[in-house]
Structures are given as structure tokens and as C-alpha cells.
Amino acid sequence: MKRKFPPIERDSERGRCIEFMKHAIIETGGKQYRVAEGEVLFIEKLEVEGGDTVTFDRVLAVIDDNASSFGSPLIAGATVTASVVKNGKFKKVRVFKMKSKKGYRNTKGHRQPYTQVQIGTITA
């Protein structure tokens, strides 16, 4: 069986990955996201235009190679900056309801709006 990913290079002394990225856990839109610098993700729609910069100040944790800090519930002064790539809508989800033997059929569609962001810097 072939491996999908190349093997992870490990540091022989500490047993950790050689290339470790700084991560943070942020809260936006009622959900929590684990983000890394340079990552692109889809979040709940924000009232911003494409190309703008947005700052997330609700940072729950920052995980670094040397140290990790966890808030209770938030880390004071920690921010994550991101640039907005675009706003859009996901594919349509069809909702179909039916009651047998009653002649009731109802079909609705829903497209969830989103904002696509690219994470810039994580400061703690």
C-alpha cells in the first residue's frame, strides 16, 4: 500500500517534527478553529469585502514550538490577523419533507454564506 504523504522528518534528540508551525485556536461565528500561518479556511460570513484585513482578538490558545499558552477563557493581548480572499455561498443543500399517505411534500433549498480568509500572523 502506498503512503499518501511523505514520512515526517523527526529530530532525533527530542523526537519532535523539525518543521513546527505556530498554531492558534480562535473563536468566530460561534465556532472554534485551529489555524496556522498561511492557512486558508472558510468561516461564517463576516461583513467585510475581499482584500480587506480582519483581526481576530478572541484567541483561546497559542501553541508554539517552545511554549504554549492557554487562556481562561481568552489570552489577553493575543491577536490573529487575516486577509479576506472572498465572500461566497456553498453549494445548495436540498431539504425534502414528506408525510406518507397524506399527500404532503415540501422541498426547500439552502445555501450557507461564507467568508474565505488567509491567516497572516499570530501574535501572543
N, C-alpha and C. Protein backbone atom coordinates (compact mmCIF):
# COMPACT_ATOMS: atom_id res chain seq x y z
N MET A 1 0.84 -1.18 0.00
CA MET A 1 0.00 0.00 0.00
C MET A 1 0.89 1.24 0.00
N LYS A 2 0.60 2.18 -0.89
CA LYS A 2 1.40 3.38 -0.99
C LYS A 2 0.99 4.38 0.08
N ARG A 3 1.98 5.14 0.55
CA ARG A 3 1.71 6.20 1.51
C ARG A 3 1.25 7.43 0.76
N LYS A 4 0.26 8.11 1.31
CA LYS A 4 -0.23 9.34 0.68
C LYS A 4 0.70 10.50 0.93
N PHE A 5 1.32 10.54 2.08
CA PHE A 5 2.15 11.67 2.46
C PHE A 5 3.58 11.18 2.68
N PRO A 6 4.58 12.05 2.45
CA PRO A 6 5.95 11.63 2.73
C PRO A 6 6.14 11.47 4.23
N PRO A 7 7.07 10.64 4.64
CA PRO A 7 7.29 10.45 6.07
C PRO A 7 7.75 11.75 6.72
N ILE A 8 7.39 11.93 7.98
CA ILE A 8 7.74 13.14 8.73
C ILE A 8 9.18 13.01 9.22
N GLU A 9 9.98 14.04 8.94
CA GLU A 9 11.34 14.05 9.45
C GLU A 9 11.31 14.44 10.91
N ARG A 10 11.99 13.68 11.74
CA ARG A 10 11.94 13.92 13.18
C ARG A 10 13.33 14.29 13.69
N ASP A 11 13.35 15.11 14.71
CA ASP A 11 14.58 15.47 15.38
C ASP A 11 14.94 14.31 16.29
N SER A 12 16.14 13.75 16.15
CA SER A 12 16.50 12.54 16.89
C SER A 12 16.60 12.79 18.39
N GLU A 13 16.98 13.99 18.81
CA GLU A 13 17.13 14.26 20.24
C GLU A 13 15.80 14.38 20.96
N ARG A 14 14.88 15.19 20.39
CA ARG A 14 13.63 15.49 21.08
C ARG A 14 12.47 14.64 20.57
N GLY A 15 12.62 14.01 19.42
CA GLY A 15 11.54 13.19 18.88
C GLY A 15 10.39 13.99 18.30
N ARG A 16 10.60 15.29 18.06
CA ARG A 16 9.54 16.14 17.52
C ARG A 16 9.81 16.42 16.04
N CYS A 17 8.81 16.97 15.38
CA CYS A 17 8.96 17.35 13.98
C CYS A 17 9.98 18.49 13.88
N ILE A 18 10.79 18.46 12.84
CA ILE A 18 11.79 19.51 12.66
C ILE A 18 11.11 20.83 12.31
N GLU A 19 10.17 20.78 11.38
CA GLU A 19 9.46 21.99 11.00
C GLU A 19 8.14 22.04 11.75
N PHE A 20 8.06 22.90 12.74
CA PHE A 20 6.84 23.03 13.54
C PHE A 20 6.26 24.40 13.31
N MET A 21 4.99 24.44 12.95
CA MET A 21 4.34 25.71 12.67
C MET A 21 3.64 26.22 13.92
N LYS A 22 3.57 27.51 14.03
CA LYS A 22 2.86 28.14 15.13
C LYS A 22 1.36 28.03 14.87
N HIS A 23 0.61 27.56 15.86
CA HIS A 23 -0.83 27.38 15.73
C HIS A 23 -1.56 28.22 16.76
N ALA A 24 -2.81 28.51 16.47
CA ALA A 24 -3.67 29.21 17.42
C ALA A 24 -5.07 28.65 17.30
N ILE A 25 -5.83 28.76 18.37
CA ILE A 25 -7.23 28.39 18.36
C ILE A 25 -8.02 29.68 18.55
N ILE A 26 -8.84 30.01 17.53
CA ILE A 26 -9.61 31.25 17.57
C ILE A 26 -11.09 30.92 17.60
N GLU A 27 -11.88 31.89 18.02
CA GLU A 27 -13.32 31.74 18.05
C GLU A 27 -13.94 32.84 17.20
N THR A 28 -14.78 32.45 16.23
CA THR A 28 -15.50 33.41 15.42
C THR A 28 -16.77 32.75 14.90
N GLY A 29 -17.83 33.49 14.87
CA GLY A 29 -19.09 32.97 14.37
C GLY A 29 -19.66 31.85 15.22
N GLY A 30 -19.33 31.81 16.51
CA GLY A 30 -19.84 30.76 17.38
C GLY A 30 -19.12 29.44 17.24
N LYS A 31 -18.03 29.40 16.48
CA LYS A 31 -17.27 28.17 16.28
C LYS A 31 -15.80 28.42 16.60
N GLN A 32 -15.09 27.34 16.89
CA GLN A 32 -13.67 27.43 17.17
C GLN A 32 -12.89 26.80 16.03
N TYR A 33 -11.79 27.45 15.63
CA TYR A 33 -10.97 26.99 14.52
C TYR A 33 -9.52 26.91 14.96
N ARG A 34 -8.83 25.86 14.53
CA ARG A 34 -7.39 25.75 14.75
C ARG A 34 -6.72 26.27 13.48
N VAL A 35 -5.92 27.32 13.60
CA VAL A 35 -5.35 27.98 12.44
C VAL A 35 -3.83 28.02 12.55
N ALA A 36 -3.18 28.04 11.40
CA ALA A 36 -1.73 28.20 11.30
C ALA A 36 -1.45 29.32 10.32
N GLU A 37 -0.26 29.89 10.38
CA GLU A 37 0.10 30.99 9.49
C GLU A 37 0.14 30.50 8.05
N GLY A 38 -0.50 31.26 7.16
CA GLY A 38 -0.54 30.90 5.75
C GLY A 38 -1.70 30.00 5.36
N GLU A 39 -2.47 29.54 6.31
CA GLU A 39 -3.58 28.62 6.04
C GLU A 39 -4.79 29.38 5.49
N VAL A 40 -5.54 28.74 4.59
CA VAL A 40 -6.76 29.31 4.03
C VAL A 40 -7.93 28.51 4.58
N LEU A 41 -8.96 29.20 5.11
CA LEU A 41 -10.10 28.48 5.65
C LEU A 41 -11.39 29.24 5.40
N PHE A 42 -12.49 28.52 5.50
CA PHE A 42 -13.82 29.05 5.31
C PHE A 42 -14.46 29.23 6.68
N ILE A 43 -14.94 30.45 6.97
CA ILE A 43 -15.58 30.73 8.25
C ILE A 43 -16.96 31.31 7.98
N GLU A 44 -17.73 31.52 9.05
CA GLU A 44 -19.04 32.13 8.91
C GLU A 44 -18.89 33.52 8.33
N LYS A 45 -19.88 33.97 7.59
CA LYS A 45 -19.79 35.22 6.84
C LYS A 45 -19.54 36.42 7.75
N LEU A 46 -18.56 37.24 7.34
CA LEU A 46 -18.25 38.49 8.02
C LEU A 46 -18.64 39.63 7.11
N GLU A 47 -18.94 40.78 7.68
CA GLU A 47 -19.34 41.95 6.89
C GLU A 47 -18.11 42.73 6.44
N VAL A 48 -17.27 42.10 5.62
CA VAL A 48 -16.09 42.73 5.06
C VAL A 48 -16.01 42.38 3.58
N GLU A 49 -15.25 43.17 2.83
CA GLU A 49 -15.08 42.95 1.40
C GLU A 49 -13.79 42.16 1.14
N GLY A 50 -13.68 41.58 -0.05
CA GLY A 50 -12.47 40.87 -0.44
C GLY A 50 -11.27 41.80 -0.49
N GLY A 51 -10.13 41.34 0.00
CA GLY A 51 -8.93 42.16 0.02
C GLY A 51 -8.72 42.91 1.32
N ASP A 52 -9.75 43.00 2.17
CA ASP A 52 -9.62 43.69 3.45
C ASP A 52 -8.85 42.82 4.44
N THR A 53 -8.43 43.44 5.53
CA THR A 53 -7.75 42.73 6.61
C THR A 53 -8.67 42.67 7.81
N VAL A 54 -8.74 41.51 8.44
CA VAL A 54 -9.58 41.33 9.62
C VAL A 54 -8.69 40.81 10.75
N THR A 55 -8.99 41.26 11.97
CA THR A 55 -8.23 40.85 13.15
C THR A 55 -9.14 40.09 14.10
N PHE A 56 -8.72 38.90 14.47
CA PHE A 56 -9.46 38.09 15.44
C PHE A 56 -8.80 38.26 16.79
N ASP A 57 -9.55 38.82 17.76
CA ASP A 57 -8.98 39.04 19.09
C ASP A 57 -9.47 38.01 20.11
N ARG A 58 -10.39 37.16 19.72
CA ARG A 58 -10.84 36.08 20.61
C ARG A 58 -9.96 34.85 20.38
N VAL A 59 -8.77 34.88 20.99
CA VAL A 59 -7.79 33.80 20.85
C VAL A 59 -7.83 32.96 22.12
N LEU A 60 -8.10 31.67 21.97
CA LEU A 60 -8.22 30.78 23.12
C LEU A 60 -6.89 30.14 23.51
N ALA A 61 -6.03 29.87 22.51
CA ALA A 61 -4.75 29.22 22.79
C ALA A 61 -3.76 29.55 21.69
N VAL A 62 -2.49 29.58 22.05
CA VAL A 62 -1.40 29.74 21.08
C VAL A 62 -0.39 28.64 21.37
N ILE A 63 -0.11 27.80 20.36
CA ILE A 63 0.80 26.68 20.52
C ILE A 63 2.02 26.94 19.65
N ASP A 64 3.18 26.99 20.27
CA ASP A 64 4.43 27.26 19.58
C ASP A 64 5.38 26.10 19.85
N ASP A 65 6.51 26.09 19.16
CA ASP A 65 7.49 25.02 19.35
C ASP A 65 8.06 25.03 20.76
N ASN A 66 8.34 26.22 21.27
CA ASN A 66 8.99 26.32 22.58
C ASN A 66 8.00 26.37 23.73
N ALA A 67 6.89 27.08 23.54
CA ALA A 67 5.96 27.27 24.66
C ALA A 67 4.53 27.31 24.14
N SER A 68 3.62 26.99 25.02
CA SER A 68 2.20 27.06 24.70
C SER A 68 1.52 27.87 25.77
N SER A 69 0.53 28.65 25.36
CA SER A 69 -0.22 29.43 26.34
C SER A 69 -1.71 29.24 26.08
N PHE A 70 -2.44 29.02 27.14
CA PHE A 70 -3.87 28.78 27.08
C PHE A 70 -4.57 29.81 27.94
N GLY A 71 -5.62 30.38 27.41
CA GLY A 71 -6.36 31.40 28.13
C GLY A 71 -7.45 30.80 28.99
N SER A 72 -7.97 31.63 29.87
CA SER A 72 -9.10 31.17 30.68
C SER A 72 -10.15 32.27 30.74
N PRO A 73 -11.00 32.46 29.79
CA PRO A 73 -11.10 31.71 28.54
C PRO A 73 -10.26 32.28 27.40
N LEU A 74 -9.84 33.56 27.47
CA LEU A 74 -9.11 34.17 26.36
C LEU A 74 -7.71 34.58 26.80
N ILE A 75 -6.80 34.69 25.82
CA ILE A 75 -5.46 35.20 26.08
C ILE A 75 -5.48 36.71 25.88
N ALA A 76 -5.10 37.45 26.91
CA ALA A 76 -5.12 38.91 26.84
C ALA A 76 -4.04 39.40 25.88
N GLY A 77 -4.42 40.23 24.93
CA GLY A 77 -3.47 40.84 24.01
C GLY A 77 -3.09 39.99 22.81
N ALA A 78 -3.58 38.77 22.72
CA ALA A 78 -3.25 37.91 21.58
C ALA A 78 -4.19 38.21 20.43
N THR A 79 -3.64 38.28 19.22
CA THR A 79 -4.44 38.55 18.03
C THR A 79 -3.98 37.66 16.88
N VAL A 80 -4.90 37.42 15.96
CA VAL A 80 -4.60 36.72 14.72
C VAL A 80 -5.11 37.61 13.59
N THR A 81 -4.21 38.00 12.68
CA THR A 81 -4.63 38.82 11.55
C THR A 81 -4.77 37.95 10.32
N ALA A 82 -5.77 38.28 9.51
CA ALA A 82 -6.03 37.51 8.30
C ALA A 82 -6.49 38.45 7.21
N SER A 83 -6.28 38.06 5.97
CA SER A 83 -6.77 38.83 4.84
C SER A 83 -7.94 38.08 4.21
N VAL A 84 -8.96 38.83 3.82
CA VAL A 84 -10.16 38.23 3.26
C VAL A 84 -9.90 37.94 1.79
N VAL A 85 -10.10 36.67 1.38
CA VAL A 85 -9.93 36.28 -0.01
C VAL A 85 -11.21 36.60 -0.78
N LYS A 86 -12.35 36.12 -0.28
CA LYS A 86 -13.63 36.39 -0.95
C LYS A 86 -14.79 36.01 -0.04
N ASN A 87 -15.96 36.51 -0.41
CA ASN A 87 -17.22 36.10 0.20
C ASN A 87 -17.98 35.28 -0.83
N GLY A 88 -18.75 34.32 -0.36
CA GLY A 88 -19.50 33.50 -1.30
C GLY A 88 -20.53 32.66 -0.60
N LYS A 89 -21.08 31.69 -1.35
CA LYS A 89 -22.06 30.75 -0.80
C LYS A 89 -21.64 29.34 -1.17
N PHE A 90 -21.89 28.40 -0.25
CA PHE A 90 -21.60 26.99 -0.51
C PHE A 90 -22.62 26.43 -1.50
N LYS A 91 -22.45 25.17 -1.88
CA LYS A 91 -23.40 24.50 -2.77
C LYS A 91 -24.74 24.36 -2.07
N LYS A 92 -25.79 24.25 -2.88
CA LYS A 92 -27.13 24.18 -2.33
C LYS A 92 -27.37 22.83 -1.65
N VAL A 93 -28.00 22.90 -0.48
CA VAL A 93 -28.42 21.72 0.25
C VAL A 93 -29.93 21.64 0.11
N ARG A 94 -30.42 20.53 -0.38
CA ARG A 94 -31.86 20.35 -0.56
C ARG A 94 -32.46 19.72 0.69
N VAL A 95 -33.56 20.30 1.16
CA VAL A 95 -34.28 19.80 2.33
C VAL A 95 -35.64 19.31 1.83
N PHE A 96 -35.90 18.02 1.99
CA PHE A 96 -37.15 17.43 1.49
C PHE A 96 -37.91 16.84 2.66
N LYS A 97 -39.17 17.25 2.81
CA LYS A 97 -40.04 16.70 3.85
C LYS A 97 -41.22 16.02 3.18
N MET A 98 -41.66 14.90 3.76
CA MET A 98 -42.79 14.17 3.20
C MET A 98 -43.51 13.41 4.31
N LYS A 99 -44.82 13.41 4.23
CA LYS A 99 -45.63 12.59 5.14
C LYS A 99 -46.36 11.57 4.29
N SER A 100 -46.09 10.31 4.55
CA SER A 100 -46.67 9.26 3.72
C SER A 100 -48.19 9.19 3.89
N LYS A 101 -48.85 8.88 2.83
CA LYS A 101 -50.31 8.69 2.78
C LYS A 101 -51.10 9.96 3.03
N LYS A 102 -50.46 11.11 3.10
CA LYS A 102 -51.16 12.37 3.36
C LYS A 102 -51.05 13.34 2.18
N GLY A 103 -50.19 13.05 1.23
CA GLY A 103 -50.02 13.93 0.08
C GLY A 103 -49.20 15.17 0.38
N TYR A 104 -48.44 15.17 1.47
CA TYR A 104 -47.64 16.33 1.86
C TYR A 104 -46.20 16.13 1.39
N ARG A 105 -45.74 17.02 0.55
CA ARG A 105 -44.34 17.04 0.10
C ARG A 105 -43.87 18.49 0.08
N ASN A 106 -42.68 18.71 0.61
CA ASN A 106 -42.16 20.07 0.68
C ASN A 106 -40.66 20.02 0.39
N THR A 107 -40.20 20.79 -0.57
CA THR A 107 -38.79 20.85 -0.92
C THR A 107 -38.30 22.29 -0.77
N LYS A 108 -37.20 22.44 -0.05
CA LYS A 108 -36.57 23.74 0.12
C LYS A 108 -35.09 23.60 -0.15
N GLY A 109 -34.45 24.69 -0.50
CA GLY A 109 -33.01 24.70 -0.69
C GLY A 109 -32.37 25.76 0.18
N HIS A 110 -31.10 25.52 0.55
CA HIS A 110 -30.38 26.47 1.40
C HIS A 110 -28.93 26.54 0.95
N ARG A 111 -28.42 27.76 0.80
CA ARG A 111 -27.01 27.99 0.50
C ARG A 111 -26.41 28.82 1.63
N GLN A 112 -25.48 28.22 2.36
CA GLN A 112 -24.88 28.88 3.51
C GLN A 112 -23.82 29.88 3.05
N PRO A 113 -23.90 31.15 3.47
CA PRO A 113 -22.85 32.12 3.10
C PRO A 113 -21.58 31.89 3.91
N TYR A 114 -20.43 32.23 3.30
CA TYR A 114 -19.15 32.06 3.98
C TYR A 114 -18.22 33.21 3.61
N THR A 115 -17.14 33.31 4.38
CA THR A 115 -16.03 34.21 4.07
C THR A 115 -14.77 33.37 4.05
N GLN A 116 -14.01 33.46 2.97
CA GLN A 116 -12.76 32.73 2.87
C GLN A 116 -11.62 33.66 3.27
N VAL A 117 -10.83 33.25 4.25
CA VAL A 117 -9.74 34.07 4.77
C VAL A 117 -8.43 33.31 4.70
N GLN A 118 -7.34 34.08 4.57
CA GLN A 118 -6.00 33.52 4.64
C GLN A 118 -5.32 34.10 5.87
N ILE A 119 -4.86 33.23 6.74
CA ILE A 119 -4.27 33.63 8.02
C ILE A 119 -2.89 34.24 7.76
N GLY A 120 -2.67 35.42 8.35
CA GLY A 120 -1.39 36.11 8.18
C GLY A 120 -0.45 35.84 9.34
N THR A 121 -0.61 36.61 10.42
CA THR A 121 0.31 36.49 11.54
C THR A 121 -0.44 36.14 12.82
N ILE A 122 0.25 35.44 13.70
CA ILE A 122 -0.28 35.08 15.01
C ILE A 122 0.63 35.75 16.04
N THR A 123 0.05 36.65 16.84
CA THR A 123 0.84 37.32 17.87
C THR A 123 0.26 37.00 19.22
N ALA A 124 1.14 36.73 20.18
CA ALA A 124 0.68 36.40 21.54
C ALA A 124 1.37 37.27 22.56
